[in-house]
PDB file of N, CA and C in Angstrom:
ATOM      1  N   CYS A   1       0.904  -1.705  -0.212  1.00  0.00           N
ATOM      2  CA  CYS A   1      -0.649  -0.394  -0.139  1.00  0.00           C
ATOM      3  C   CYS A   1       0.716   1.040  -0.138  1.00  0.00           C
ATOM      4  N   LEU A   2       0.910   1.883  -0.971  1.00  0.00           N
ATOM      5  CA  LEU A   2       1.625   3.760  -0.881  1.00  0.00           C
ATOM      6  C   LEU A   2       1.296   4.401   0.511  1.00  0.00           C
ATOM      7  N   GLU A   3       0.396   4.565   0.701  1.00  0.00           N
ATOM      8  CA  GLU A   3       0.139   5.038   2.004  1.00  0.00           C
ATOM      9  C   GLU A   3       0.564   4.295   2.646  1.00  0.00           C
ATOM     10  N   GLY A   4       1.093   3.446   3.005  1.00  0.00           N
ATOM     11  CA  GLY A   4       1.391   2.649   4.079  1.00  0.00           C
ATOM     12  C   GLY A   4       2.788   3.073   4.149  1.00  0.00           C
ATOM     13  N   GLN A   5       3.213   3.224   3.035  1.00  0.00           N
ATOM     14  CA  GLN A   5       4.619   3.466   3.243  1.00  0.00           C
ATOM     15  C   GLN A   5       4.922   4.683   2.873  1.00  0.00           C
ATOM     16  N   SER A   6       4.222   5.787   2.965  1.00  0.00           N
ATOM     17  CA  SER A   6       3.962   7.067   3.252  1.00  0.00           C
ATOM     18  C   SER A   6       4.346   7.539   2.013  1.00  0.00           C
ATOM     19  N   GLN A   7       3.838   6.761   0.278  1.00  0.00           N
ATOM     20  CA  GLN A   7       4.634   7.377  -0.479  1.00  0.00           C
ATOM     21  C   GLN A   7       3.064   8.349  -1.508  1.00  0.00           C
ATOM     22  N   TRP A   8       3.215   9.778  -0.356  1.00  0.00           N
ATOM     23  CA  TRP A   8       2.024  10.334  -0.116  1.00  0.00           C
ATOM     24  C   TRP A   8       1.600  10.890  -1.506  1.00  0.00           C
ATOM     25  N   ALA A   9       2.133  11.204  -2.668  1.00  0.00           N
ATOM     26  CA  ALA A   9       1.907  11.449  -3.666  1.00  0.00           C
ATOM     27  C   ALA A   9       1.319  10.974  -4.894  1.00  0.00           C
ATOM     28  N   ALA A  10       1.846   9.510  -4.809  1.00  0.00           N
ATOM     29  CA  ALA A  10       1.174   8.323  -5.362  1.00  0.00           C
ATOM     30  C   ALA A  10      -0.106   7.268  -4.723  1.00  0.00           C
ATOM     31  N   ALA A  11       0.326   7.977  -3.633  1.00  0.00           N
ATOM     32  CA  ALA A  11      -1.448   6.983  -3.348  1.00  0.00           C
ATOM     33  C   ALA A  11      -2.356   8.333  -3.503  1.00  0.00           C
ATOM     34  N   LEU A  12      -1.629   9.735  -3.605  1.00  0.00           N
ATOM     35  CA  LEU A  12      -2.887  10.575  -3.815  1.00  0.00           C
ATOM     36  C   LEU A  12      -3.686  10.719  -5.642  1.00  0.00           C
ATOM     37  N   GLU A  13      -2.554  10.436  -6.303  1.00  0.00           N
ATOM     38  CA  GLU A  13      -2.607   9.592  -7.627  1.00  0.00           C
ATOM     39  C   GLU A  13      -3.737   8.958  -7.667  1.00  0.00           C
ATOM     40  N   ALA A  14      -3.366   7.593  -6.836  1.00  0.00           N
ATOM     41  CA  ALA A  14      -4.873   6.344  -6.938  1.00  0.00           C
ATOM     42  C   ALA A  14      -4.989   6.736  -6.699  1.00  0.00           C
ATOM     43  N   TYR A  15      -5.142   7.321  -5.724  1.00  0.00           N
ATOM     44  CA  TYR A  15      -6.930   7.696  -5.129  1.00  0.00           C
ATOM     45  C   TYR A  15      -7.626   9.170  -5.756  1.00  0.00           C
ATOM     46  N   LEU A  16      -7.668   9.237  -6.121  1.00  0.00           N
ATOM     47  CA  LEU A  16      -7.864  10.604  -7.405  1.00  0.00           C
ATOM     48  C   LEU A  16      -7.940   9.869  -8.706  1.00  0.00           C
ATOM     49  N   ARG A  17      -7.750   8.608  -9.046  1.00  0.00           N
ATOM     50  CA  ARG A  17      -7.803   8.131 -10.221  1.00  0.00           C
ATOM     51  C   ARG A  17      -9.281   7.367  -9.409  1.00  0.00           C
ATOM     52  N   VAL A  18      -9.324   6.958  -8.702  1.00  0.00           N
ATOM     53  CA  VAL A  18     -10.727   6.199  -8.303  1.00  0.00           C
ATOM     54  C   VAL A  18     -11.625   7.511  -8.402  1.00  0.00           C
ATOM     55  N   VAL A  19     -11.640   8.287  -7.729  1.00  0.00           N
ATOM     56  CA  VAL A  19     -13.060   9.281  -7.755  1.00  0.00           C
ATOM     57  C   VAL A  19     -13.104   9.953  -9.069  1.00  0.00           C
ATOM     58  N   ALA A  20     -12.347   9.918 -10.031  1.00  0.00           N
ATOM     59  CA  ALA A  20     -12.360   9.800 -10.834  1.00  0.00           C
ATOM     60  C   ALA A  20     -13.009   8.651 -12.554  1.00  0.00           C
ATOM     61  N   LEU A  21     -12.873   7.988 -12.116  1.00  0.00           N
ATOM     62  CA  LEU A  21     -13.471   6.591 -13.097  1.00  0.00           C
ATOM     63  C   LEU A  21     -14.392   5.899 -11.977  1.00  0.00           C
ATOM     64  N   TYR A  22     -14.602   5.780 -11.154  1.00  0.00           N
ATOM     65  CA  TYR A  22     -15.587   5.047  -9.614  1.00  0.00           C
ATOM     66  C   TYR A  22     -17.204   5.847  -9.229  1.00  0.00           C
ATOM     67  N   PRO A  23     -17.470   7.108  -9.588  1.00  0.00           N
ATOM     68  CA  PRO A  23     -18.007   7.698  -8.624  1.00  0.00           C
ATOM     69  C   PRO A  23     -18.990   7.164  -8.333  1.00  0.00           C
ATOM     70  N   ALA A  24     -19.896   6.022  -8.862  1.00  0.00           N
ATOM     71  CA  ALA A  24     -20.662   5.575  -8.671  1.00  0.00           C
ATOM     72  C   ALA A  24     -20.181   4.098  -7.653  1.00  0.00           C
ATOM     73  N   GLU A  25     -19.369   3.873  -7.328  1.00  0.00           N
ATOM     74  CA  GLU A  25     -19.548   3.095  -6.547  1.00  0.00           C
ATOM     75  C   GLU A  25     -19.241   2.931  -4.872  1.00  0.00           C
ATOM     76  N   THR A  26     -19.645   1.311  -3.970  1.00  0.00           N
ATOM     77  CA  THR A  26     -20.114   1.558  -2.499  1.00  0.00           C
ATOM     78  C   THR A  26     -18.634   2.929  -2.477  1.00  0.00           C
ATOM     79  N   PHE A  27     -17.113   2.434  -2.907  1.00  0.00           N
ATOM     80  CA  PHE A  27     -16.089   2.723  -1.744  1.00  0.00           C
ATOM     81  C   PHE A  27     -15.724   4.218  -2.508  1.00  0.00           C
ATOM     82  N   TYR A  28     -16.646   4.676  -3.331  1.00  0.00           N
ATOM     83  CA  TYR A  28     -15.582   6.031  -3.319  1.00  0.00           C
ATOM     84  C   TYR A  28     -16.234   6.810  -2.069  1.00  0.00           C
ATOM     85  N   PRO A  29     -16.861   6.711  -1.466  1.00  0.00           N
ATOM     86  CA  PRO A  29     -16.589   7.927  -0.737  1.00  0.00           C
ATOM     87  C   PRO A  29     -15.419   8.119   0.240  1.00  0.00           C
ATOM     88  N   GLU A  30     -14.928   6.286   0.373  1.00  0.00           N
ATOM     89  CA  GLU A  30     -14.327   5.807   1.634  1.00  0.00           C
ATOM     90  C   GLU A  30     -12.288   7.047   0.690  1.00  0.00           C
ATOM     91  N   ALA A  31     -11.922   6.561  -1.357  1.00  0.00           N
ATOM     92  CA  ALA A  31     -11.912   7.425  -1.217  1.00  0.00           C
ATOM     93  C   ALA A  31     -11.739   9.163  -1.573  1.00  0.00           C
ATOM     94  N   LEU A  32     -12.991   9.839  -1.679  1.00  0.00           N
ATOM     95  CA  LEU A  32     -12.858  10.258  -1.462  1.00  0.00           C
ATOM     96  C   LEU A  32     -11.605  11.354   0.045  1.00  0.00           C
ATOM     97  N   LEU A  33     -12.127  10.635   1.755  1.00  0.00           N
ATOM     98  CA  LEU A  33     -11.129  10.432   3.160  1.00  0.00           C
ATOM     99  C   LEU A  33      -9.876  10.403   2.448  1.00  0.00           C
ATOM    100  N   ARG A  34      -9.578   9.173   1.487  1.00  0.00           N
ATOM    101  CA  ARG A  34      -8.286   9.171   1.853  1.00  0.00           C
ATOM    102  C   ARG A  34      -7.240   9.829   0.675  1.00  0.00           C
ATOM    103  N   GLY A  35      -7.957  10.492  -0.377  1.00  0.00           N
ATOM    104  CA  GLY A  35      -7.561  11.985  -1.188  1.00  0.00           C
ATOM    105  C   GLY A  35      -7.783  12.802  -0.555  1.00  0.00           C
ATOM    106  N   ALA A  36      -8.236  13.352  -0.153  1.00  0.00           N
ATOM    107  CA  ALA A  36      -8.193  14.275   1.900  1.00  0.00           C
ATOM    108  C   ALA A  36      -7.006  14.282   2.478  1.00  0.00           C
ATOM    109  N   LEU A  37      -6.950  13.245   2.786  1.00  0.00           N
ATOM    110  CA  LEU A  37      -5.759  13.011   3.219  1.00  0.00           C
ATOM    111  C   LEU A  37      -4.267  13.294   2.801  1.00  0.00           C
ATOM    112  N   MET A  38      -4.740  12.566   1.835  1.00  0.00           N
ATOM    113  CA  MET A  38      -3.155  12.657   1.502  1.00  0.00           C
ATOM    114  C   MET A  38      -2.795  14.091   0.852  1.00  0.00           C
ATOM    115  N   TYR A  39      -3.510  14.420   0.715  1.00  0.00           N
ATOM    116  CA  TYR A  39      -3.326  16.469   0.368  1.00  0.00           C
ATOM    117  C   TYR A  39      -2.988  16.750   1.846  1.00  0.00           C
ATOM    118  N   SER A  40      -3.346  17.034   2.954  1.00  0.00           N
ATOM    119  CA  SER A  40      -3.324  17.057   3.667  1.00  0.00           C
ATOM    120  C   SER A  40      -1.627  16.842   4.240  1.00  0.00           C
ATOM    121  N   ALA A  41      -1.863  15.022   3.902  1.00  0.00           N
ATOM    122  CA  ALA A  41      -0.339  14.874   4.276  1.00  0.00           C
ATOM    123  C   ALA A  41       0.524  16.005   3.485  1.00  0.00           C
ATOM    124  N   LEU A  42       0.871  16.194   2.559  1.00  0.00           N
ATOM    125  CA  LEU A  42       1.680  16.631   1.248  1.00  0.00           C
ATOM    126  C   LEU A  42       1.519  18.684   1.554  1.00  0.00           C
ATOM    127  N   ASP A  43       0.811  18.637   2.532  1.00  0.00           N
ATOM    128  CA  ASP A  43       0.641  19.968   2.853  1.00  0.00           C
ATOM    129  C   ASP A  43      -0.233  20.760   1.718  1.00  0.00           C
ATOM    130  N   GLN A  44      -0.919  20.118   1.655  1.00  0.00           N
ATOM    131  CA  GLN A  44      -2.298  21.187   0.746  1.00  0.00           C
ATOM    132  C   GLN A  44      -3.356  21.155   0.986  1.00  0.00           C
ATOM    133  N   PRO A  45      -3.818  22.039   2.734  1.00  0.00           N
ATOM    134  CA  PRO A  45      -5.008  22.113   2.879  1.00  0.00           C
ATOM    135  C   PRO A  45      -6.480  22.073   2.292  1.00  0.00           C
ATOM    136  N   ALA A  46      -6.287  22.904   1.066  1.00  0.00           N
ATOM    137  CA  ALA A  46      -6.967  23.988   0.613  1.00  0.00           C
ATOM    138  C   ALA A  46      -8.044  22.837  -0.324  1.00  0.00           C
ATOM    139  N   LYS A  47      -6.914  21.544  -0.817  1.00  0.00           N
ATOM    140  CA  LYS A  47      -7.607  20.984  -1.901  1.00  0.00           C
ATOM    141  C   LYS A  47      -7.902  20.166  -1.650  1.00  0.00           C
ATOM    142  N   ALA A  48      -7.369  19.429  -0.208  1.00  0.00           N
ATOM    143  CA  ALA A  48      -8.000  18.268   0.494  1.00  0.00           C
ATOM    144  C   ALA A  48     -10.008  18.840   1.086  1.00  0.00           C
ATOM    145  N   LEU A  49     -10.048  19.897   1.310  1.00  0.00           N
ATOM    146  CA  LEU A  49     -11.590  20.512   1.671  1.00  0.00           C
ATOM    147  C   LEU A  49     -12.033  20.356   0.531  1.00  0.00           C
ATOM    148  N   PRO A  50     -12.132  20.439  -0.889  1.00  0.00           N
ATOM    149  CA  PRO A  50     -13.704  20.226  -1.235  1.00  0.00           C
ATOM    150  C   PRO A  50     -13.164  18.765  -1.921  1.00  0.00           C
ATOM    151  N   LEU A  51     -13.065  18.168  -1.207  1.00  0.00           N
ATOM    152  CA  LEU A  51     -12.890  16.257  -1.423  1.00  0.00           C
ATOM    153  C   LEU A  51     -13.294  16.101   0.109  1.00  0.00           C
ATOM    154  N   LEU A  52     -13.436  16.636   1.657  1.00  0.00           N
ATOM    155  CA  LEU A  52     -14.060  16.477   2.470  1.00  0.00           C
ATOM    156  C   LEU A  52     -15.539  16.824   2.632  1.00  0.00           C
ATOM    157  N   THR A  53     -15.552  18.807   1.819  1.00  0.00           N
ATOM    158  CA  THR A  53     -16.859  18.866   1.991  1.00  0.00           C
ATOM    159  C   THR A  53     -17.876  18.178   1.028  1.00  0.00           C
ATOM    160  N   GLU A  54     -17.394  16.738  -0.136  1.00  0.00           N
ATOM    161  CA  GLU A  54     -18.367  16.379  -0.938  1.00  0.00           C
ATOM    162  C   GLU A  54     -19.169  15.163  -0.192  1.00  0.00           C
ATOM    163  N   LEU A  55     -17.309  14.723   0.139  1.00  0.00           N
ATOM    164  CA  LEU A  55     -18.149  13.068   1.050  1.00  0.00           C
ATOM    165  C   LEU A  55     -18.997  13.752   2.395  1.00  0.00           C
ATOM    166  N   ILE A  56     -19.028  14.789   2.855  1.00  0.00           N
ATOM    167  CA  ILE A  56     -19.672  14.903   4.198  1.00  0.00           C
ATOM    168  C   ILE A  56     -21.864  15.525   3.277  1.00  0.00           C
ATOM    169  N   ASN A  57     -21.035  16.283   2.045  1.00  0.00           N
ATOM    170  CA  ASN A  57     -22.484  16.706   1.882  1.00  0.00           C
ATOM    171  C   ASN A  57     -23.294  15.944   1.010  1.00  0.00           C
ATOM    172  N   ASP A  58     -22.295  14.912   0.662  1.00  0.00           N
ATOM    173  CA  ASP A  58     -22.985  14.230  -0.422  1.00  0.00           C
ATOM    174  C   ASP A  58     -23.448  12.283  -0.093  1.00  0.00           C
ATOM    175  N   TYR A  59     -22.482  12.287   0.923  1.00  0.00           N
ATOM    176  CA  TYR A  59     -22.531  10.709   1.889  1.00  0.00           C
ATOM    177  C   TYR A  59     -22.659  10.824   3.015  1.00  0.00           C
ATOM    178  N   PRO A  60     -23.692  11.758   3.629  1.00  0.00           N
ATOM    179  CA  PRO A  60     -23.160  11.811   5.321  1.00  0.00           C
ATOM    180  C   PRO A  60     -23.860  10.391   5.921  1.00  0.00           C
ATOM    181  N   ALA A  61     -24.157   9.341   5.536  1.00  0.00           N
ATOM    182  CA  ALA A  61     -24.136   8.407   5.547  1.00  0.00           C
ATOM    183  C   ALA A  61     -23.101   7.175   5.478  1.00  0.00           C
ATOM    184  N   ALA A  62     -22.051   7.757   5.024  1.00  0.00           N
ATOM    185  CA  ALA A  62     -21.159   6.800   4.514  1.00  0.00           C
ATOM    186  C   ALA A  62     -20.183   6.274   6.378  1.00  0.00           C
ATOM    187  N   ASP A  63     -19.842   5.697   6.375  1.00  0.00           N
ATOM    188  CA  ASP A  63     -19.193   4.709   7.309  1.00  0.00           C
ATOM    189  C   ASP A  63     -17.926   6.294   7.815  1.00  0.00           C
ATOM    190  N   CYS A  64     -17.288   6.799   6.783  1.00  0.00           N
ATOM    191  CA  CYS A  64     -16.253   7.561   7.172  1.00  0.00           C
ATOM    192  C   CYS A  64     -16.102   8.421   7.583  1.00  0.00           C
ATOM    193  N   ALA A  65     -18.091   9.255   7.285  1.00  0.00           N
ATOM    194  CA  ALA A  65     -18.630  10.786   7.054  1.00  0.00           C
ATOM    195  C   ALA A  65     -18.163  11.183   8.652  1.00  0.00           C
ATOM    196  N   PRO A  66     -17.767  10.806   9.671  1.00  0.00           N
ATOM    197  CA  PRO A  66     -17.304  11.485  10.851  1.00  0.00           C
ATOM    198  C   PRO A  66     -15.877  11.527  11.082  1.00  0.00           C
ATOM    199  N   GLN A  67     -15.160  10.815  10.047  1.00  0.00           N
ATOM    200  CA  GLN A  67     -13.529  11.010   9.622  1.00  0.00           C
ATOM    201  C   GLN A  67     -13.596  12.454   9.022  1.00  0.00           C
ATOM    202  N   ALA A  68     -14.358  12.310   8.128  1.00  0.00           N
ATOM    203  CA  ALA A  68     -14.352  13.431   7.233  1.00  0.00           C
ATOM    204  C   ALA A  68     -14.966  15.064   7.908  1.00  0.00           C
ATOM    205  N   ILE A  69     -15.989  15.012   8.909  1.00  0.00           N
ATOM    206  CA  ILE A  69     -15.826  16.434   9.939  1.00  0.00           C
ATOM    207  C   ILE A  69     -14.779  16.603  10.305  1.00  0.00           C
ATOM    208  N   ALA A  70     -14.103  15.727  10.989  1.00  0.00           N
ATOM    209  CA  ALA A  70     -13.305  16.147  12.185  1.00  0.00           C
ATOM    210  C   ALA A  70     -11.872  16.080  10.989  1.00  0.00           C
ATOM    211  N   GLU A  71     -11.636  15.754  10.004  1.00  0.00           N
ATOM    212  CA  GLU A  71     -10.724  16.475   9.062  1.00  0.00           C
ATOM    213  C   GLU A  71     -10.314  17.726   8.683  1.00  0.00           C
ATOM    214  N   ARG A  72     -12.372  18.312   8.557  1.00  0.00           N
ATOM    215  CA  ARG A  72     -12.767  19.162   8.118  1.00  0.00           C
ATOM    216  C   ARG A  72     -12.151  20.200   8.876  1.00  0.00           C
ATOM    217  N   LYS A  73     -13.030  19.642  10.226  1.00  0.00           N
ATOM    218  CA  LYS A  73     -12.720  21.258  11.713  1.00  0.00           C
ATOM    219  C   LYS A  73     -11.088  21.388  11.832  1.00  0.00           C
ATOM    220  N   ARG A  74     -10.443  20.251  11.336  1.00  0.00           N
ATOM    221  CA  ARG A  74      -8.601  20.770  11.870  1.00  0.00           C
ATOM    222  C   ARG A  74      -8.645  21.207  10.705  1.00  0.00           C
ATOM    223  N   LEU A  75      -8.661  21.104   9.524  1.00  0.00           N
ATOM    224  CA  LEU A  75      -8.002  21.429   8.323  1.00  0.00           C
ATOM    225  C   LEU A  75      -8.371  23.292   8.092  1.00  0.00           C
ATOM    226  N   ALA A  76      -9.331  23.123   8.304  1.00  0.00           N
ATOM    227  CA  ALA A  76      -9.975  24.554   8.177  1.00  0.00           C
ATOM    228  C   ALA A  76      -9.770  25.531   8.752  1.00  0.00           C
ATOM    229  N   PRO A  77      -9.098  25.774  10.004  1.00  0.00           N
ATOM    230  CA  PRO A  77      -7.978  27.071   9.976  1.00  0.00           C
ATOM    231  C   PRO A  77      -7.090  27.096   9.715  1.00  0.00           C
ATOM    232  N   ALA A  78      -6.201  26.109   8.994  1.00  0.00           N
ATOM    233  CA  ALA A  78      -5.282  26.335   8.116  1.00  0.00           C
ATOM    234  C   ALA A  78      -5.128  27.010   7.203  1.00  0.00           C
ATOM    235  N   VAL A  79      -6.876  26.890   6.392  1.00  0.00           N
ATOM    236  CA  VAL A  79      -6.989  27.125   4.937  1.00  0.00           C
ATOM    237  C   VAL A  79      -7.355  28.957   5.921  1.00  0.00           C
ATOM    238  N   THR A  80      -8.219  29.151   5.716  1.00  0.00           N
ATOM    239  CA  THR A  80      -8.193  30.079   6.302  1.00  0.00           C
ATOM    240  C   THR A  80      -7.014  31.481   6.246  1.00  0.00           C
ATOM    241  N   ALA A  81      -6.484  30.783   6.991  1.00  0.00           N
ATOM    242  CA  ALA A  81      -4.469  31.449   7.880  1.00  0.00           C
ATOM    243  C   ALA A  81      -3.954  31.319   6.173  1.00  0.00           C
ATOM    244  N   GLU A  82      -3.659  31.021   5.375  1.00  0.00           N
ATOM    245  CA  GLU A  82      -3.517  31.013   3.732  1.00  0.00           C
ATOM    246  C   GLU A  82      -3.514  32.421   3.184  1.00  0.00           C
TER     247      GLU A  82
END
């Protein structure tokens, strides 16, 4: 797993590919979250927020929605400060 090997950019590319190609799949919300987390790991919180917002707004019942809400709250001040 690229993410487990701290290969954030490669992992991000893989998650964004899933987001682009498989929007109707059940794993789509998780791909949004993981992509956002990779942006965060790459110190790009402004790019993470739209993915988190999409997950929260469009998939509020997803298992990963609570984590997305927490991550958005954590990142929002960093984006505001930019």
